[in-house]
Structure formats: structure tokens, C-alpha cells
């Protein structure tokens, strides 16, 4: 899929170290594919206000973004509302979901078309199973912070529907393998992204 412009958007919930990881990873991914792309970032300062998310999506689309990724919880649901409205009006715009496969959130009027290009999926089931097994074996990691990344199958992307072509899926899998092999490092902070971008 080729975007019509060199602009994409990111909607964050409340600005924090955690959401910055989503933002900077997305920016790095965009620039790895298209170094000329501009990623416009706005925060809703809420995880529960879908109207704030819709307002930001409206602004980002109006100023030229044609794909928007959100990491904003329920505030991000406003992205799907705005994207569906615009697609019904003939615009070629896309939403990217978060946490779970949000294909259904992007379905237009109960039909077969979804505005959800893909979603970043947290595999919470993997974490729950591993921690449950630790607890069962008497090794419950109380007080520890456990992080599950791509190497642990803790995150993935959704392929529901046919919005991603086989070529896109193949390219995404190649980038995923490069991350696993250590050939590509994903920045988590603004400073890490700036250093990454200036390599």
C-alpha cells in the first residue's frame, strides 16, 4: 500500500514514558520505509475521551495525513469514528489500531469494508500463561517488572481482512526478522529516536 502523501499521524493518550515507546517505534518504522515521510504527533491527554481522539484525527487528516496510528485507549476510538466518516465521503484514509486487533472497530456501516489497516497487538495471553506457570512452579515474580517484546511473541501485528497485501505482509515480516536479528534497533525515547534518525 502506498500512501497518497508523505504525511502520517500518531495519536497518543496521556504523554508518558510508555506511550513514548509507541510513538518513537512508530516514527522509526515509518522513516525506515519512507525517510521523506513526516509523522505528525498529537496527544489527547486522555485515555477515555473518544471525542478528543476524533478531533485530533480530524485535524491530522485535514492537514494531509492519510494513515493514523493511535495509542490512546478509548480516546483512540474517536479515530475510527473519524476515519469511517471520511471513507464514507470518498476519502482514502486509514486507521491503525492498538493493543488488540481493532479490525471490527473500523467496519463501515456493518458491512465488509474496514478502515483498519492493521493493529499492533499485545499478546497478553502469552504473558498470563508464562506468569501463571511461574506461579504454579513456585517462582511467582512478585515485585518484578516483566517486559514481553517481539522476541517473546509478546507483540505482533494483525492481518484480519485483506487490507494488507501479501507484499506488505512479507515486507513487515522481513523488518520483524531484522529486529529479532539485532540488525534494526527500535528507539523507545525521543533521545533514542533523534540518535537513530541521525545515523
Protein backbone atom coordinates (compact mmCIF):
# COMPACT_ATOMS: atom_id res chain seq x y z
CA UNK A 1 0.00 0.00 0.00
CA UNK A 2 1.40 3.37 -1.00
CA UNK A 3 0.21 6.36 0.98
CA UNK A 4 -1.07 9.24 -1.11
CA UNK A 5 1.02 11.75 0.83
CA UNK A 6 4.24 11.75 2.79
CA UNK A 7 2.34 12.53 5.99
CA UNK A 8 1.06 10.13 8.62
CA UNK A 9 -0.24 10.77 12.10
CA UNK A 10 0.13 9.43 15.62
CA UNK A 11 -2.44 9.99 18.37
CA UNK A 12 -1.20 9.35 21.88
CA UNK A 13 -3.32 9.18 25.01
CA UNK A 14 -1.56 10.71 28.01
CA UNK A 15 2.07 11.54 27.29
CA UNK A 16 4.23 9.15 29.32
CA UNK A 17 7.33 7.00 29.06
CA UNK A 18 5.19 4.05 27.98
CA UNK A 19 3.28 5.84 25.21
CA UNK A 20 6.52 7.45 24.03
CA UNK A 21 7.70 3.90 23.21
CA UNK A 22 4.70 3.51 20.89
CA UNK A 23 5.30 6.94 19.33
CA UNK A 24 9.03 6.55 18.73
CA UNK A 25 8.75 2.97 17.48
CA UNK A 26 6.10 4.08 15.00
CA UNK A 27 8.13 7.07 13.82
CA UNK A 28 11.18 4.84 13.31
CA UNK A 29 9.11 2.31 11.38
CA UNK A 30 7.68 5.00 9.12
CA UNK A 31 11.08 6.54 8.45
CA UNK A 32 12.66 3.13 7.81
CA UNK A 33 10.17 2.64 4.97
CA UNK A 34 9.98 6.26 3.79
CA UNK A 35 12.72 8.61 5.04
CA UNK A 36 10.88 11.57 3.49
CA UNK A 37 7.71 10.96 5.49
CA UNK A 38 6.53 13.39 8.14
CA UNK A 39 4.96 11.91 11.27
CA UNK A 40 2.66 14.41 12.95
CA UNK A 41 2.19 13.65 16.65
CA UNK A 42 -0.60 14.88 18.91
CA UNK A 43 -1.67 13.76 22.37
CA UNK A 44 -5.27 13.66 23.58
CA UNK A 45 -4.12 13.97 27.23
CA UNK A 46 -6.78 11.34 27.92
CA UNK A 47 -7.30 7.62 27.53
CA UNK A 48 -11.08 7.86 27.93
CA UNK A 49 -12.29 10.72 25.71
CA UNK A 50 -13.14 9.49 22.18
CA UNK A 51 -14.23 12.99 21.15
CA UNK A 52 -10.70 14.25 21.81
CA UNK A 53 -9.35 11.44 19.64
CA UNK A 54 -11.83 12.23 16.87
CA UNK A 55 -10.95 15.94 16.98
CA UNK A 56 -7.24 15.16 16.65
CA UNK A 57 -7.90 12.69 13.82
CA UNK A 58 -9.93 15.38 12.04
CA UNK A 59 -7.01 17.81 12.35
CA UNK A 60 -4.43 15.26 11.20
CA UNK A 61 -6.47 14.19 8.18
CA UNK A 62 -7.31 17.80 7.29
CA UNK A 63 -3.62 18.72 7.32
CA UNK A 64 -2.70 15.88 4.97
CA UNK A 65 -2.15 12.68 6.92
CA UNK A 66 -3.69 9.64 5.24
CA UNK A 67 -2.77 6.99 7.82
CA UNK A 68 -3.10 7.49 11.59
CA UNK A 69 -1.92 5.14 14.34
CA UNK A 70 -3.26 5.55 17.84
CA UNK A 71 -2.05 4.50 21.26
CA UNK A 72 -4.79 6.23 23.18
CA UNK A 73 -7.15 3.64 24.64
CA UNK A 74 -10.81 4.65 24.41
CA UNK A 75 -9.78 8.13 23.26
CA UNK A 76 -8.37 6.40 20.20
CA UNK A 77 -11.80 5.03 19.33
CA UNK A 78 -12.58 8.51 18.04
CA UNK A 79 -10.00 7.83 15.33
CA UNK A 80 -12.19 5.06 13.93
CA UNK A 81 -15.29 7.28 14.01
CA UNK A 82 -13.50 9.99 12.05
CA UNK A 83 -11.89 7.57 9.60
CA UNK A 84 -15.19 5.81 8.85
CA UNK A 85 -16.90 9.16 8.25
CA UNK A 86 -14.21 10.24 5.82
CA UNK A 87 -14.13 6.92 3.95
CA UNK A 88 -17.92 7.13 3.54
CA UNK A 89 -17.32 10.56 1.99
CA UNK A 90 -14.91 9.06 -0.54
CA UNK A 91 -11.56 9.78 1.11
CA UNK A 92 -8.72 7.24 1.02
CA UNK A 93 -7.63 7.25 4.67
CA UNK A 94 -6.68 4.51 7.12
CA UNK A 95 -6.53 3.84 10.85
CA UNK A 96 -4.05 1.61 12.70
CA UNK A 97 -5.31 0.08 15.93
CA UNK A 98 -3.52 -0.80 19.14
CA UNK A 99 -3.44 -3.40 21.94
CA UNK A 100 -5.80 -5.82 20.17
CA UNK A 101 -6.98 -6.46 16.64
CA UNK A 102 -9.25 -3.45 16.02
CA UNK A 103 -10.47 -4.56 12.61
CA UNK A 104 -14.08 -4.62 13.80
CA UNK A 105 -13.88 -1.09 15.21
CA UNK A 106 -13.17 0.04 11.65
CA UNK A 107 -16.05 -1.72 9.91
CA UNK A 108 -18.12 0.70 7.83
CA UNK A 109 -21.86 0.52 8.50
CA UNK A 110 -21.88 -3.16 9.42
CA UNK A 111 -20.58 -4.14 6.00
CA UNK A 112 -17.47 -5.97 4.90
CA UNK A 113 -15.20 -2.95 4.49
CA UNK A 114 -12.94 -1.91 7.38
CA UNK A 115 -10.86 1.26 7.64
CA UNK A 116 -8.42 -0.56 9.93
CA UNK A 117 -5.23 -1.20 8.00
CA UNK A 118 -3.70 -3.28 10.80
CA UNK A 119 -3.28 -3.21 14.58
CA UNK A 120 -0.36 -3.53 16.95
CA UNK A 121 -1.42 -6.47 19.11
CA UNK A 122 -0.29 -7.06 22.69
CA UNK A 123 -0.17 -10.81 23.28
CA UNK A 124 -1.34 -10.61 26.90
CA UNK A 125 -2.23 -14.31 26.69
CA UNK A 126 1.47 -15.13 26.39
CA UNK A 127 2.35 -13.08 29.48
CA UNK A 128 -0.54 -14.52 31.52
CA UNK A 129 0.41 -18.08 30.61
CA UNK A 130 4.09 -17.60 31.47
CA UNK A 131 3.41 -15.85 34.79
CA UNK A 132 0.80 -18.49 35.67
CA UNK A 133 3.35 -21.22 35.01
CA UNK A 134 5.92 -19.39 37.15
CA UNK A 135 3.40 -19.14 39.98
CA UNK A 136 2.44 -22.80 39.64
CA UNK A 137 6.12 -23.76 39.91
CA UNK A 138 6.59 -21.56 42.99
CA UNK A 139 8.54 -18.86 41.16
CA UNK A 140 5.95 -16.05 41.06
CA UNK A 141 7.91 -12.88 40.14
CA UNK A 142 6.25 -10.61 42.72
CA UNK A 143 7.57 -7.06 42.68
CA UNK A 144 9.35 -7.54 39.36
CA UNK A 145 8.58 -5.77 36.10
CA UNK A 146 8.40 -8.25 33.24
CA UNK A 147 8.60 -6.96 29.68
CA UNK A 148 7.50 -9.04 26.73
CA UNK A 149 8.68 -7.89 23.34
CA UNK A 150 8.84 -9.12 19.79
CA UNK A 151 11.41 -11.76 20.72
CA UNK A 152 8.99 -13.24 23.29
CA UNK A 153 5.99 -13.19 20.90
CA UNK A 154 4.64 -10.54 23.28
CA UNK A 155 3.68 -8.20 20.43
CA UNK A 156 2.60 -8.75 16.85
CA UNK A 157 0.51 -7.17 14.13
CA UNK A 158 -2.96 -8.11 12.90
CA UNK A 159 -3.71 -9.31 9.36
CA UNK A 160 -7.51 -9.59 9.57
CA UNK A 161 -9.23 -8.81 6.30
CA UNK A 162 -7.43 -8.09 3.05
CA UNK A 163 -6.25 -4.52 3.59
CA UNK A 164 -2.61 -5.68 3.76
CA UNK A 165 -1.33 -7.12 0.50
CA UNK A 166 0.89 -10.22 0.60
CA UNK A 167 3.80 -7.96 -0.40
CA UNK A 168 3.21 -5.71 2.62
CA UNK A 169 3.00 -8.70 4.97
CA UNK A 170 6.22 -10.08 3.52
CA UNK A 171 7.97 -6.72 3.99
CA UNK A 172 6.69 -6.44 7.57
CA UNK A 173 7.95 -9.93 8.35
CA UNK A 174 11.35 -9.00 6.93
CA UNK A 175 11.56 -5.95 9.21
CA UNK A 176 10.42 -8.07 12.15
CA UNK A 177 13.22 -10.55 11.47
CA UNK A 178 15.75 -7.73 11.21
CA UNK A 179 14.66 -6.55 14.66
CA UNK A 180 14.94 -10.07 16.05
CA UNK A 181 18.40 -10.47 14.49
CA UNK A 182 19.56 -7.20 16.05
CA UNK A 183 20.09 -5.55 12.67
CA UNK A 184 17.47 -2.90 13.48
CA UNK A 185 17.17 -1.31 16.90
CA UNK A 186 13.84 0.25 17.79
CA UNK A 187 14.13 3.57 19.66
CA UNK A 188 11.99 3.99 22.77
CA UNK A 189 12.65 7.58 23.82
CA UNK A 190 12.82 10.91 22.00
CA UNK A 191 16.60 11.00 22.50
CA UNK A 192 17.00 7.47 21.14
CA UNK A 193 14.84 8.36 18.14
CA UNK A 194 16.88 11.50 17.42
CA UNK A 195 20.08 9.47 17.59
CA UNK A 196 18.51 6.77 15.37
CA UNK A 197 17.30 9.34 12.84
CA UNK A 198 20.75 10.98 12.59
CA UNK A 199 22.65 7.75 11.84
